[in-house]
Amino acid sequence: MEIASLAIRMPKPKSLNVAYAGQHWTKRKGSTDKYREAVCFLLLEQGKPTFEVETYQLLLVSNGRTDIDNRIMAIKYLNDAMEKDLKWIPNDGPKVFREFTVRQDDTLEKDEFVMHITFYGRK
C-alpha cells in the first residue's frame, strides 16, 4: 500500500448558506469555477500522487467565524477539482472518499483554511 499526504492553504470558501442562498445558478457557477481553478493551482504545486489513488481522506483545519458545518464547500470544491478537473481520483463516491473531518483551530490566522489530504493506493 502506498500513502501520500499533502497540505494546502485554501482560499476562504463561501459558506454553504451563502453558496445556495437565492443566487442564480450562473453566478454560483462563475464563483465556483474561479475557486476550483485556484484549488487546482495549489494542488499542482504540491504534485500528483505517484500511484493510482484507490481511497483518500480529508482533514480541513480552519479558523473561521462560520459554523463548522458551513465550511463543507471547501471539501466539495476540492473533491470536484481532484475528480473533474485534474483526474487525480476516479470519483468521490463512498468507496473512494472514505472520511472527512472539519476542525476549528483558534491558533490559525483568522479565516485560514488548511486542507490535509491523505491518498492511499498501489503503484
PDB file of N, CA and C in Angstrom:
ATOM      1  N   MET A   1       0.848  -1.179   0.000  1.00  0.00           N
ATOM      2  CA  MET A   1       0.000   0.000   0.000  1.00  0.00           C
ATOM      3  C   MET A   1       0.892   1.239   0.000  1.00  0.00           C
ATOM      4  N   GLU A   2       0.626   2.128  -0.915  1.00  0.00           N
ATOM      5  CA  GLU A   2       1.327   3.406  -0.998  1.00  0.00           C
ATOM      6  C   GLU A   2       0.496   4.479  -0.294  1.00  0.00           C
ATOM      7  N   ILE A   3       1.165   5.427   0.352  1.00  0.00           N
ATOM      8  CA  ILE A   3       0.493   6.534   1.037  1.00  0.00           C
ATOM      9  C   ILE A   3       1.187   7.826   0.644  1.00  0.00           C
ATOM     10  N   ALA A   4       0.394   8.835   0.331  1.00  0.00           N
ATOM     11  CA  ALA A   4       0.928  10.170   0.055  1.00  0.00           C
ATOM     12  C   ALA A   4       0.065  11.186   0.782  1.00  0.00           C
ATOM     13  N   SER A   5       0.710  12.132   1.404  1.00  0.00           N
ATOM     14  CA  SER A   5      -0.014  13.179   2.131  1.00  0.00           C
ATOM     15  C   SER A   5       0.445  14.542   1.644  1.00  0.00           C
ATOM     16  N   LEU A   6      -0.480  15.469   1.602  1.00  0.00           N
ATOM     17  CA  LEU A   6      -0.132  16.843   1.287  1.00  0.00           C
ATOM     18  C   LEU A   6      -1.084  17.772   2.020  1.00  0.00           C
ATOM     19  N   ALA A   7      -0.657  19.009   2.147  1.00  0.00           N
ATOM     20  CA  ALA A   7      -1.484  20.023   2.799  1.00  0.00           C
ATOM     21  C   ALA A   7      -1.443  21.287   1.954  1.00  0.00           C
ATOM     22  N   ILE A   8      -2.599  21.897   1.775  1.00  0.00           N
ATOM     23  CA  ILE A   8      -2.661  23.150   1.025  1.00  0.00           C
ATOM     24  C   ILE A   8      -3.442  24.181   1.830  1.00  0.00           C
ATOM     25  N   ARG A   9      -2.995  25.408   1.746  1.00  0.00           N
ATOM     26  CA  ARG A   9      -3.734  26.537   2.321  1.00  0.00           C
ATOM     27  C   ARG A   9      -4.736  26.984   1.275  1.00  0.00           C
ATOM     28  N   MET A  10      -5.988  26.745   1.554  1.00  0.00           N
ATOM     29  CA  MET A  10      -7.044  27.008   0.584  1.00  0.00           C
ATOM     30  C   MET A  10      -7.585  28.420   0.747  1.00  0.00           C
ATOM     31  N   PRO A  11      -8.066  28.987  -0.352  1.00  0.00           N
ATOM     32  CA  PRO A  11      -8.774  30.266  -0.226  1.00  0.00           C
ATOM     33  C   PRO A  11     -10.014  30.065   0.640  1.00  0.00           C
ATOM     34  N   LYS A  12     -10.432  31.125   1.308  1.00  0.00           N
ATOM     35  CA  LYS A  12     -11.651  31.035   2.113  1.00  0.00           C
ATOM     36  C   LYS A  12     -12.827  30.740   1.180  1.00  0.00           C
ATOM     37  N   PRO A  13     -13.536  29.633   1.414  1.00  0.00           N
ATOM     38  CA  PRO A  13     -14.685  29.315   0.566  1.00  0.00           C
ATOM     39  C   PRO A  13     -15.934  30.059   1.022  1.00  0.00           C
ATOM     40  N   LYS A  14     -16.906  30.108   0.127  1.00  0.00           N
ATOM     41  CA  LYS A  14     -18.226  30.578   0.546  1.00  0.00           C
ATOM     42  C   LYS A  14     -18.773  29.585   1.549  1.00  0.00           C
ATOM     43  N   SER A  15     -19.589  30.073   2.464  1.00  0.00           N
ATOM     44  CA  SER A  15     -20.255  29.144   3.366  1.00  0.00           C
ATOM     45  C   SER A  15     -21.340  28.415   2.577  1.00  0.00           C
ATOM     46  N   LEU A  16     -21.763  27.312   3.089  1.00  0.00           N
ATOM     47  CA  LEU A  16     -22.842  26.548   2.456  1.00  0.00           C
ATOM     48  C   LEU A  16     -24.090  27.412   2.325  1.00  0.00           C
ATOM     49  N   ASN A  17     -24.385  28.178   3.349  1.00  0.00           N
ATOM     50  CA  ASN A  17     -25.572  29.037   3.316  1.00  0.00           C
ATOM     51  C   ASN A  17     -25.480  30.064   2.193  1.00  0.00           C
ATOM     52  N   VAL A  18     -24.333  30.712   2.041  1.00  0.00           N
ATOM     53  CA  VAL A  18     -24.153  31.727   1.008  1.00  0.00           C
ATOM     54  C   VAL A  18     -24.167  31.096  -0.376  1.00  0.00           C
ATOM     55  N   ALA A  19     -23.537  29.928  -0.511  1.00  0.00           N
ATOM     56  CA  ALA A  19     -23.422  29.284  -1.816  1.00  0.00           C
ATOM     57  C   ALA A  19     -24.784  28.958  -2.429  1.00  0.00           C
ATOM     58  N   TYR A  20     -25.760  28.643  -1.592  1.00  0.00           N
ATOM     59  CA  TYR A  20     -27.057  28.234  -2.134  1.00  0.00           C
ATOM     60  C   TYR A  20     -28.207  29.151  -1.732  1.00  0.00           C
ATOM     61  N   ALA A  21     -27.896  30.355  -1.288  1.00  0.00           N
ATOM     62  CA  ALA A  21     -28.942  31.272  -0.807  1.00  0.00           C
ATOM     63  C   ALA A  21     -29.424  32.185  -1.921  1.00  0.00           C
ATOM     64  N   GLY A  22     -30.297  31.672  -2.747  1.00  0.00           N
ATOM     65  CA  GLY A  22     -31.007  32.501  -3.702  1.00  0.00           C
ATOM     66  C   GLY A  22     -30.200  33.080  -4.850  1.00  0.00           C
ATOM     67  N   GLN A  23     -28.988  32.630  -5.076  1.00  0.00           N
ATOM     68  CA  GLN A  23     -28.227  33.125  -6.212  1.00  0.00           C
ATOM     69  C   GLN A  23     -28.633  32.374  -7.472  1.00  0.00           C
ATOM     70  N   HIS A  24     -28.612  33.081  -8.581  1.00  0.00           N
ATOM     71  CA  HIS A  24     -28.859  32.437  -9.861  1.00  0.00           C
ATOM     72  C   HIS A  24     -27.717  31.457 -10.140  1.00  0.00           C
ATOM     73  N   TRP A  25     -28.025  30.332 -10.777  1.00  0.00           N
ATOM     74  CA  TRP A  25     -27.019  29.292 -10.987  1.00  0.00           C
ATOM     75  C   TRP A  25     -25.811  29.801 -11.769  1.00  0.00           C
ATOM     76  N   THR A  26     -25.993  30.770 -12.660  1.00  0.00           N
ATOM     77  CA  THR A  26     -24.849  31.264 -13.438  1.00  0.00           C
ATOM     78  C   THR A  26     -23.862  32.017 -12.546  1.00  0.00           C
ATOM     79  N   LYS A  27     -24.364  32.724 -11.557  1.00  0.00           N
ATOM     80  CA  LYS A  27     -23.477  33.424 -10.623  1.00  0.00           C
ATOM     81  C   LYS A  27     -22.748  32.420  -9.743  1.00  0.00           C
ATOM     82  N   ARG A  28     -23.466  31.406  -9.271  1.00  0.00           N
ATOM     83  CA  ARG A  28     -22.833  30.357  -8.460  1.00  0.00           C
ATOM     84  C   ARG A  28     -21.747  29.651  -9.262  1.00  0.00           C
ATOM     85  N   LYS A  29     -22.040  29.328 -10.528  1.00  0.00           N
ATOM     86  CA  LYS A  29     -21.070  28.611 -11.357  1.00  0.00           C
ATOM     87  C   LYS A  29     -19.821  29.436 -11.583  1.00  0.00           C
ATOM     88  N   GLY A  30     -19.964  30.719 -11.824  1.00  0.00           N
ATOM     89  CA  GLY A  30     -18.800  31.579 -12.048  1.00  0.00           C
ATOM     90  C   GLY A  30     -17.868  31.611 -10.851  1.00  0.00           C
ATOM     91  N   SER A  31     -18.419  31.780  -9.662  1.00  0.00           N
ATOM     92  CA  SER A  31     -17.571  31.830  -8.470  1.00  0.00           C
ATOM     93  C   SER A  31     -17.002  30.452  -8.142  1.00  0.00           C
ATOM     94  N   THR A  32     -17.773  29.401  -8.401  1.00  0.00           N
ATOM     95  CA  THR A  32     -17.285  28.040  -8.183  1.00  0.00           C
ATOM     96  C   THR A  32     -16.112  27.736  -9.109  1.00  0.00           C
ATOM     97  N   ASP A  33     -16.231  28.091 -10.377  1.00  0.00           N
ATOM     98  CA  ASP A  33     -15.158  27.841 -11.340  1.00  0.00           C
ATOM     99  C   ASP A  33     -13.870  28.546 -10.923  1.00  0.00           C
ATOM    100  N   LYS A  34     -13.961  29.783 -10.464  1.00  0.00           N
ATOM    101  CA  LYS A  34     -12.772  30.525 -10.027  1.00  0.00           C
ATOM    102  C   LYS A  34     -12.133  29.861  -8.816  1.00  0.00           C
ATOM    103  N   TYR A  35     -12.950  29.424  -7.881  1.00  0.00           N
ATOM    104  CA  TYR A  35     -12.423  28.771  -6.681  1.00  0.00           C
ATOM    105  C   TYR A  35     -11.728  27.464  -7.055  1.00  0.00           C
ATOM    106  N   ARG A  36     -12.380  26.651  -7.895  1.00  0.00           N
ATOM    107  CA  ARG A  36     -11.788  25.378  -8.300  1.00  0.00           C
ATOM    108  C   ARG A  36     -10.489  25.590  -9.068  1.00  0.00           C
ATOM    109  N   GLU A  37     -10.420  26.629  -9.875  1.00  0.00           N
ATOM    110  CA  GLU A  37      -9.192  26.935 -10.600  1.00  0.00           C
ATOM    111  C   GLU A  37      -8.055  27.237  -9.619  1.00  0.00           C
ATOM    112  N   ALA A  38      -8.351  27.995  -8.578  1.00  0.00           N
ATOM    113  CA  ALA A  38      -7.342  28.300  -7.552  1.00  0.00           C
ATOM    114  C   ALA A  38      -6.902  27.030  -6.829  1.00  0.00           C
ATOM    115  N   VAL A  39      -7.859  26.154  -6.515  1.00  0.00           N
ATOM    116  CA  VAL A  39      -7.542  24.903  -5.830  1.00  0.00           C
ATOM    117  C   VAL A  39      -6.685  24.008  -6.729  1.00  0.00           C
ATOM    118  N   CYS A  40      -6.997  23.943  -8.009  1.00  0.00           N
ATOM    119  CA  CYS A  40      -6.189  23.146  -8.943  1.00  0.00           C
ATOM    120  C   CYS A  40      -4.743  23.633  -8.947  1.00  0.00           C
ATOM    121  N   PHE A  41      -4.555  24.938  -8.996  1.00  0.00           N
ATOM    122  CA  PHE A  41      -3.211  25.504  -8.985  1.00  0.00           C
ATOM    123  C   PHE A  41      -2.457  25.078  -7.724  1.00  0.00           C
ATOM    124  N   LEU A  42      -3.113  25.167  -6.564  1.00  0.00           N
ATOM    125  CA  LEU A  42      -2.486  24.788  -5.300  1.00  0.00           C
ATOM    126  C   LEU A  42      -2.138  23.303  -5.266  1.00  0.00           C
ATOM    127  N   LEU A  43      -3.031  22.468  -5.776  1.00  0.00           N
ATOM    128  CA  LEU A  43      -2.763  21.026  -5.821  1.00  0.00           C
ATOM    129  C   LEU A  43      -1.594  20.714  -6.754  1.00  0.00           C
ATOM    130  N   LEU A  44      -1.569  21.321  -7.918  1.00  0.00           N
ATOM    131  CA  LEU A  44      -0.491  21.067  -8.872  1.00  0.00           C
ATOM    132  C   LEU A  44       0.864  21.508  -8.322  1.00  0.00           C
ATOM    133  N   GLU A  45       0.876  22.562  -7.522  1.00  0.00           N
ATOM    134  CA  GLU A  45       2.114  22.983  -6.864  1.00  0.00           C
ATOM    135  C   GLU A  45       2.657  21.888  -5.952  1.00  0.00           C
ATOM    136  N   GLN A  46       1.764  21.158  -5.300  1.00  0.00           N
ATOM    137  CA  GLN A  46       2.166  20.085  -4.386  1.00  0.00           C
ATOM    138  C   GLN A  46       2.581  18.820  -5.140  1.00  0.00           C
ATOM    139  N   GLY A  47       1.939  18.571  -6.267  1.00  0.00           N
ATOM    140  CA  GLY A  47       2.268  17.394  -7.068  1.00  0.00           C
ATOM    141  C   GLY A  47       1.311  16.243  -6.865  1.00  0.00           C
ATOM    142  N   LYS A  48       0.998  15.610  -7.979  1.00  0.00           N
ATOM    143  CA  LYS A  48       0.084  14.470  -8.007  1.00  0.00           C
ATOM    144  C   LYS A  48       0.730  13.254  -7.338  1.00  0.00           C
ATOM    145  N   PRO A  49      -0.058  12.435  -6.645  1.00  0.00           N
ATOM    146  CA  PRO A  49       0.496  11.192  -6.109  1.00  0.00           C
ATOM    147  C   PRO A  49       1.114  10.358  -7.242  1.00  0.00           C
ATOM    148  N   THR A  50       2.157   9.628  -6.922  1.00  0.00           N
ATOM    149  CA  THR A  50       2.874   8.847  -7.942  1.00  0.00           C
ATOM    150  C   THR A  50       2.286   7.455  -8.133  1.00  0.00           C
ATOM    151  N   PHE A  51       1.097   7.245  -7.626  1.00  0.00           N
ATOM    152  CA  PHE A  51       0.429   5.954  -7.739  1.00  0.00           C
ATOM    153  C   PHE A  51      -1.043   6.179  -8.037  1.00  0.00           C
ATOM    154  N   GLU A  52      -1.723   5.110  -8.411  1.00  0.00           N
ATOM    155  CA  GLU A  52      -3.159   5.193  -8.667  1.00  0.00           C
ATOM    156  C   GLU A  52      -3.901   5.264  -7.332  1.00  0.00           C
ATOM    157  N   VAL A  53      -4.662   6.325  -7.141  1.00  0.00           N
ATOM    158  CA  VAL A  53      -5.382   6.530  -5.883  1.00  0.00           C
ATOM    159  C   VAL A  53      -6.582   5.583  -5.826  1.00  0.00           C
ATOM    160  N   GLU A  54      -6.628   4.804  -4.747  1.00  0.00           N
ATOM    161  CA  GLU A  54      -7.763   3.912  -4.512  1.00  0.00           C
ATOM    162  C   GLU A  54      -8.738   4.510  -3.505  1.00  0.00           C
ATOM    163  N   THR A  55      -8.199   5.136  -2.462  1.00  0.00           N
ATOM    164  CA  THR A  55      -9.019   5.798  -1.458  1.00  0.00           C
ATOM    165  C   THR A  55      -8.287   7.054  -0.976  1.00  0.00           C
ATOM    166  N   TYR A  56      -9.032   7.932  -0.339  1.00  0.00           N
ATOM    167  CA  TYR A  56      -8.421   9.118   0.264  1.00  0.00           C
ATOM    168  C   TYR A  56      -9.299   9.636   1.382  1.00  0.00           C
ATOM    169  N   GLN A  57      -8.704  10.478   2.212  1.00  0.00           N
ATOM    170  CA  GLN A  57      -9.439  11.120   3.298  1.00  0.00           C
ATOM    171  C   GLN A  57      -8.970  12.559   3.423  1.00  0.00           C
ATOM    172  N   LEU A  58      -9.835  13.397   3.992  1.00  0.00           N
ATOM    173  CA  LEU A  58      -9.566  14.823   4.104  1.00  0.00           C
ATOM    174  C   LEU A  58      -9.730  15.285   5.546  1.00  0.00           C
ATOM    175  N   LEU A  59      -8.878  16.229   5.920  1.00  0.00           N
ATOM    176  CA  LEU A  59      -8.997  16.918   7.197  1.00  0.00           C
ATOM    177  C   LEU A  59      -8.910  18.404   6.894  1.00  0.00           C
ATOM    178  N   LEU A  60      -9.977  19.137   7.164  1.00  0.00           N
ATOM    179  CA  LEU A  60      -9.990  20.590   6.993  1.00  0.00           C
ATOM    180  C   LEU A  60      -9.837  21.225   8.362  1.00  0.00           C
ATOM    181  N   VAL A  61      -8.749  21.964   8.528  1.00  0.00           N
ATOM    182  CA  VAL A  61      -8.494  22.675   9.769  1.00  0.00           C
ATOM    183  C   VAL A  61      -8.603  24.156   9.444  1.00  0.00           C
ATOM    184  N   SER A  62      -9.427  24.866  10.208  1.00  0.00           N
ATOM    185  CA  SER A  62      -9.653  26.274   9.875  1.00  0.00           C
ATOM    186  C   SER A  62      -9.962  27.085  11.122  1.00  0.00           C
ATOM    187  N   ASN A  63      -9.809  28.390  10.947  1.00  0.00           N
ATOM    188  CA  ASN A  63     -10.187  29.330  11.997  1.00  0.00           C
ATOM    189  C   ASN A  63     -11.159  30.311  11.357  1.00  0.00           C
ATOM    190  N   GLY A  64     -12.405  29.947  11.382  1.00  0.00           N
ATOM    191  CA  GLY A  64     -13.424  30.773  10.755  1.00  0.00           C
ATOM    192  C   GLY A  64     -14.490  31.190  11.740  1.00  0.00           C
ATOM    193  N   ARG A  65     -15.270  32.162  11.321  1.00  0.00           N
ATOM    194  CA  ARG A  65     -16.376  32.628  12.158  1.00  0.00           C
ATOM    195  C   ARG A  65     -17.661  31.879  11.847  1.00  0.00           C
ATOM    196  N   THR A  66     -17.695  31.215  10.696  1.00  0.00           N
ATOM    197  CA  THR A  66     -18.909  30.493  10.314  1.00  0.00           C
ATOM    198  C   THR A  66     -19.035  29.204  11.113  1.00  0.00           C
ATOM    199  N   ASP A  67     -20.236  28.682  11.163  1.00  0.00           N
ATOM    200  CA  ASP A  67     -20.442  27.375  11.782  1.00  0.00           C
ATOM    201  C   ASP A  67     -19.590  26.349  11.038  1.00  0.00           C
ATOM    202  N   ILE A  68     -19.102  25.376  11.757  1.00  0.00           N
ATOM    203  CA  ILE A  68     -18.225  24.370  11.153  1.00  0.00           C
ATOM    204  C   ILE A  68     -18.909  23.666   9.985  1.00  0.00           C
ATOM    205  N   ASP A  69     -20.192  23.362  10.098  1.00  0.00           N
ATOM    206  CA  ASP A  69     -20.864  22.649   9.015  1.00  0.00           C
ATOM    207  C   ASP A  69     -21.008  23.505   7.759  1.00  0.00           C
ATOM    208  N   ASN A  70     -20.900  24.816   7.872  1.00  0.00           N
ATOM    209  CA  ASN A  70     -20.965  25.681   6.694  1.00  0.00           C
ATOM    210  C   ASN A  70     -19.664  25.699   5.899  1.00  0.00           C
ATOM    211  N   ARG A  71     -18.619  25.124   6.435  1.00  0.00           N
ATOM    212  CA  ARG A  71     -17.314  25.099   5.749  1.00  0.00           C
ATOM    213  C   ARG A  71     -17.193  23.939   4.770  1.00  0.00           C
ATOM    214  N   ILE A  72     -18.233  23.173   4.638  1.00  0.00           N
ATOM    215  CA  ILE A  72     -18.232  21.976   3.794  1.00  0.00           C
ATOM    216  C   ILE A  72     -17.951  22.293   2.322  1.00  0.00           C
ATOM    217  N   MET A  73     -18.207  23.519   1.903  1.00  0.00           N
ATOM    218  CA  MET A  73     -17.990  23.863   0.494  1.00  0.00           C
ATOM    219  C   MET A  73     -16.518  23.730   0.111  1.00  0.00           C
ATOM    220  N   ALA A  74     -15.603  23.938   1.042  1.00  0.00           N
ATOM    221  CA  ALA A  74     -14.179  23.751   0.747  1.00  0.00           C
ATOM    222  C   ALA A  74     -13.914  22.306   0.339  1.00  0.00           C
ATOM    223  N   ILE A  75     -14.566  21.377   1.006  1.00  0.00           N
ATOM    224  CA  ILE A  75     -14.400  19.955   0.695  1.00  0.00           C
ATOM    225  C   ILE A  75     -15.054  19.634  -0.645  1.00  0.00           C
ATOM    226  N   LYS A  76     -16.235  20.168  -0.879  1.00  0.00           N
ATOM    227  CA  LYS A  76     -16.938  19.939  -2.150  1.00  0.00           C
ATOM    228  C   LYS A  76     -16.105  20.452  -3.331  1.00  0.00           C
ATOM    229  N   TYR A  77     -15.602  21.672  -3.219  1.00  0.00           N
ATOM    230  CA  TYR A  77     -14.806  22.247  -4.317  1.00  0.00           C
ATOM    231  C   TYR A  77     -13.519  21.468  -4.534  1.00  0.00           C
ATOM    232  N   LEU A  78     -12.868  21.040  -3.452  1.00  0.00           N
ATOM    233  CA  LEU A  78     -11.633  20.267  -3.583  1.00  0.00           C
ATOM    234  C   LEU A  78     -11.906  18.934  -4.278  1.00  0.00           C
ATOM    235  N   ASN A  79     -12.945  18.234  -3.845  1.00  0.00           N
ATOM    236  CA  ASN A  79     -13.281  16.955  -4.477  1.00  0.00           C
ATOM    237  C   ASN A  79     -13.552  17.128  -5.967  1.00  0.00           C
ATOM    238  N   ASP A  80     -14.327  18.137  -6.323  1.00  0.00           N
ATOM    239  CA  ASP A  80     -14.625  18.371  -7.736  1.00  0.00           C
ATOM    240  C   ASP A  80     -13.357  18.689  -8.520  1.00  0.00           C
ATOM    241  N   ALA A  81     -12.458  19.465  -7.938  1.00  0.00           N
ATOM    242  CA  ALA A  81     -11.199  19.788  -8.619  1.00  0.00           C
ATOM    243  C   ALA A  81     -10.362  18.531  -8.832  1.00  0.00           C
ATOM    244  N   MET A  82     -10.262  17.682  -7.809  1.00  0.00           N
ATOM    245  CA  MET A  82      -9.439  16.464  -7.938  1.00  0.00           C
ATOM    246  C   MET A  82     -10.048  15.464  -8.906  1.00  0.00           C
ATOM    247  N   GLU A  83     -11.372  15.378  -8.945  1.00  0.00           N
ATOM    248  CA  GLU A  83     -12.034  14.403  -9.823  1.00  0.00           C
ATOM    249  C   GLU A  83     -12.238  14.948 -11.234  1.00  0.00           C
ATOM    250  N   LYS A  84     -12.913  16.050 -11.348  1.00  0.00           N
ATOM    251  CA  LYS A  84     -13.351  16.538 -12.667  1.00  0.00           C
ATOM    252  C   LYS A  84     -12.279  17.322 -13.408  1.00  0.00           C
ATOM    253  N   ASP A  85     -11.493  18.119 -12.677  1.00  0.00           N
ATOM    254  CA  ASP A  85     -10.518  18.976 -13.339  1.00  0.00           C
ATOM    255  C   ASP A  85      -9.164  18.287 -13.519  1.00  0.00           C
ATOM    256  N   LEU A  86      -8.641  17.690 -12.462  1.00  0.00           N
ATOM    257  CA  LEU A  86      -7.291  17.126 -12.501  1.00  0.00           C
ATOM    258  C   LEU A  86      -7.258  15.619 -12.767  1.00  0.00           C
ATOM    259  N   LYS A  87      -8.373  14.945 -12.546  1.00  0.00           N
ATOM    260  CA  LYS A  87      -8.445  13.483 -12.738  1.00  0.00           C
ATOM    261  C   LYS A  87      -7.489  12.728 -11.815  1.00  0.00           C
ATOM    262  N   TRP A  88      -7.277  13.257 -10.619  1.00  0.00           N
ATOM    263  CA  TRP A  88      -6.407  12.598  -9.646  1.00  0.00           C
ATOM    264  C   TRP A  88      -7.101  11.429  -8.959  1.00  0.00           C
ATOM    265  N   ILE A  89      -8.427  11.483  -8.863  1.00  0.00           N
ATOM    266  CA  ILE A  89      -9.197  10.437  -8.194  1.00  0.00           C
ATOM    267  C   ILE A  89     -10.234   9.908  -9.179  1.00  0.00           C
ATOM    268  N   PRO A  90     -10.586   8.618  -9.074  1.00  0.00           N
ATOM    269  CA  PRO A  90     -11.560   8.064 -10.016  1.00  0.00           C
ATOM    270  C   PRO A  90     -12.964   8.630  -9.824  1.00  0.00           C
ATOM    271  N   ASN A  91     -13.322   8.921  -8.571  1.00  0.00           N
ATOM    272  CA  ASN A  91     -14.617   9.525  -8.236  1.00  0.00           C
ATOM    273  C   ASN A  91     -14.561   9.926  -6.766  1.00  0.00           C
ATOM    274  N   ASP A  92     -15.620  10.562  -6.291  1.00  0.00           N
ATOM    275  CA  ASP A  92     -15.648  10.923  -4.870  1.00  0.00           C
ATOM    276  C   ASP A  92     -16.772  10.192  -4.139  1.00  0.00           C
ATOM    277  N   GLY A  93     -17.099   9.014  -4.650  1.00  0.00           N
ATOM    278  CA  GLY A  93     -18.098   8.167  -4.005  1.00  0.00           C
ATOM    279  C   GLY A  93     -17.559   7.543  -2.734  1.00  0.00           C
ATOM    280  N   PRO A  94     -18.416   6.892  -1.951  1.00  0.00           N
ATOM    281  CA  PRO A  94     -18.030   6.378  -0.642  1.00  0.00           C
ATOM    282  C   PRO A  94     -16.997   5.249  -0.662  1.00  0.00           C
ATOM    283  N   LYS A  95     -16.804   4.579  -1.781  1.00  0.00           N
ATOM    284  CA  LYS A  95     -15.770   3.538  -1.843  1.00  0.00           C
ATOM    285  C   LYS A  95     -14.384   4.148  -2.014  1.00  0.00           C
ATOM    286  N   VAL A  96     -14.324   5.382  -2.486  1.00  0.00           N
ATOM    287  CA  VAL A  96     -13.046   6.065  -2.720  1.00  0.00           C
ATOM    288  C   VAL A  96     -12.817   7.141  -1.667  1.00  0.00           C
ATOM    289  N   PHE A  97     -13.784   8.003  -1.468  1.00  0.00           N
ATOM    290  CA  PHE A  97     -13.689   9.088  -0.484  1.00  0.00           C
ATOM    291  C   PHE A  97     -14.201   8.538   0.836  1.00  0.00           C
ATOM    292  N   ARG A  98     -13.276   8.168   1.709  1.00  0.00           N
ATOM    293  CA  ARG A  98     -13.626   7.381   2.884  1.00  0.00           C
ATOM    294  C   ARG A  98     -13.947   8.192   4.146  1.00  0.00           C
ATOM    295  N   GLU A  99     -13.393   9.408   4.242  1.00  0.00           N
ATOM    296  CA  GLU A  99     -13.591  10.133   5.500  1.00  0.00           C
ATOM    297  C   GLU A  99     -13.273  11.609   5.312  1.00  0.00           C
ATOM    298  N   PHE A 100     -14.006  12.450   6.020  1.00  0.00           N
ATOM    299  CA  PHE A 100     -13.603  13.843   6.127  1.00  0.00           C
ATOM    300  C   PHE A 100     -13.900  14.338   7.530  1.00  0.00           C
ATOM    301  N   THR A 101     -13.025  15.233   7.975  1.00  0.00           N
ATOM    302  CA  THR A 101     -13.150  15.834   9.285  1.00  0.00           C
ATOM    303  C   THR A 101     -12.976  17.335   9.114  1.00  0.00           C
ATOM    304  N   VAL A 102     -13.773  18.099   9.819  1.00  0.00           N
ATOM    305  CA  VAL A 102     -13.646  19.557   9.829  1.00  0.00           C
ATOM    306  C   VAL A 102     -13.363  19.957  11.274  1.00  0.00           C
ATOM    307  N   ARG A 103     -12.266  20.691  11.461  1.00  0.00           N
ATOM    308  CA  ARG A 103     -11.832  21.037  12.817  1.00  0.00           C
ATOM    309  C   ARG A 103     -11.559  22.533  12.930  1.00  0.00           C
ATOM    310  N   GLN A 104     -12.025  23.135  14.001  1.00  0.00           N
ATOM    311  CA  GLN A 104     -11.720  24.522  14.323  1.00  0.00           C
ATOM    312  C   GLN A 104     -10.364  24.566  15.015  1.00  0.00           C
ATOM    313  N   ASP A 105      -9.506  25.506  14.611  1.00  0.00           N
ATOM    314  CA  ASP A 105      -8.200  25.687  15.251  1.00  0.00           C
ATOM    315  C   ASP A 105      -7.979  27.179  15.463  1.00  0.00           C
ATOM    316  N   ASP A 106      -8.157  27.625  16.681  1.00  0.00           N
ATOM    317  CA  ASP A 106      -8.039  29.048  17.003  1.00  0.00           C
ATOM    318  C   ASP A 106      -6.615  29.565  16.910  1.00  0.00           C
ATOM    319  N   THR A 107      -5.630  28.680  16.755  1.00  0.00           N
ATOM    320  CA  THR A 107      -4.241  29.135  16.623  1.00  0.00           C
ATOM    321  C   THR A 107      -3.915  29.577  15.197  1.00  0.00           C
ATOM    322  N   LEU A 108      -4.756  29.226  14.234  1.00  0.00           N
ATOM    323  CA  LEU A 108      -4.548  29.677  12.861  1.00  0.00           C
ATOM    324  C   LEU A 108      -4.948  31.139  12.726  1.00  0.00           C
ATOM    325  N   GLU A 109      -4.485  31.761  11.653  1.00  0.00           N
ATOM    326  CA  GLU A 109      -4.897  33.126  11.353  1.00  0.00           C
ATOM    327  C   GLU A 109      -6.408  33.143  11.092  1.00  0.00           C
ATOM    328  N   LYS A 110      -7.032  34.287  11.305  1.00  0.00           N
ATOM    329  CA  LYS A 110      -8.468  34.434  11.041  1.00  0.00           C
ATOM    330  C   LYS A 110      -8.755  34.078   9.585  1.00  0.00           C
ATOM    331  N   ASP A 111      -9.764  33.269   9.368  1.00  0.00           N
ATOM    332  CA  ASP A 111     -10.215  32.821   8.041  1.00  0.00           C
ATOM    333  C   ASP A 111      -9.149  32.025   7.283  1.00  0.00           C
ATOM    334  N   GLU A 112      -8.234  31.381   8.001  1.00  0.00           N
ATOM    335  CA  GLU A 112      -7.253  30.497   7.357  1.00  0.00           C
ATOM    336  C   GLU A 112      -7.844  29.098   7.255  1.00  0.00           C
ATOM    337  N   PHE A 113      -7.687  28.484   6.084  1.00  0.00           N
ATOM    338  CA  PHE A 113      -8.213  27.153   5.810  1.00  0.00           C
ATOM    339  C   PHE A 113      -7.078  26.276   5.303  1.00  0.00           C
ATOM    340  N   VAL A 114      -6.779  25.202   6.018  1.00  0.00           N
ATOM    341  CA  VAL A 114      -5.713  24.287   5.607  1.00  0.00           C
ATOM    342  C   VAL A 114      -6.338  22.909   5.406  1.00  0.00           C
ATOM    343  N   MET A 115      -6.192  22.379   4.183  1.00  0.00           N
ATOM    344  CA  MET A 115      -6.733  21.064   3.858  1.00  0.00           C
ATOM    345  C   MET A 115      -5.594  20.052   3.843  1.00  0.00           C
ATOM    346  N   HIS A 116      -5.747  19.016   4.650  1.00  0.00           N
ATOM    347  CA  HIS A 116      -4.792  17.906   4.687  1.00  0.00           C
ATOM    348  C   HIS A 116      -5.421  16.745   3.918  1.00  0.00           C
ATOM    349  N   ILE A 117      -4.711  16.245   2.936  1.00  0.00           N
ATOM    350  CA  ILE A 117      -5.226  15.172   2.081  1.00  0.00           C
ATOM    351  C   ILE A 117      -4.303  13.970   2.215  1.00  0.00           C
ATOM    352  N   THR A 118      -4.869  12.811   2.469  1.00  0.00           N
ATOM    353  CA  THR A 118      -4.096  11.577   2.517  1.00  0.00           C
ATOM    354  C   THR A 118      -4.660  10.637   1.468  1.00  0.00           C
ATOM    355  N   PHE A 119      -3.785  10.246   0.546  1.00  0.00           N
ATOM    356  CA  PHE A 119      -4.137   9.330  -0.545  1.00  0.00           C
ATOM    357  C   PHE A 119      -3.574   7.956  -0.236  1.00  0.00           C
ATOM    358  N   TYR A 120      -4.331   6.917  -0.575  1.00  0.00           N
ATOM    359  CA  TYR A 120      -3.897   5.539  -0.437  1.00  0.00           C
ATOM    360  C   TYR A 120      -4.080   4.845  -1.784  1.00  0.00           C
ATOM    361  N   GLY A 121      -3.123   3.980  -2.152  1.00  0.00           N
ATOM    362  CA  GLY A 121      -3.260   3.272  -3.412  1.00  0.00           C
ATOM    363  C   GLY A 121      -2.106   2.332  -3.668  1.00  0.00           C
ATOM    364  N   ARG A 122      -1.991   1.916  -4.932  1.00  0.00           N
ATOM    365  CA  ARG A 122      -0.943   0.983  -5.346  1.00  0.00           C
ATOM    366  C   ARG A 122      -0.291   1.488  -6.629  1.00  0.00           C
ATOM    367  N   LYS A 123       0.991   1.175  -6.746  1.00  0.00           N
ATOM    368  CA  LYS A 123       1.720   1.558  -7.976  1.00  0.00           C
ATOM    369  C   LYS A 123       1.322   0.666  -9.115  1.00  0.00           C
TER     370      LYS A 123
END
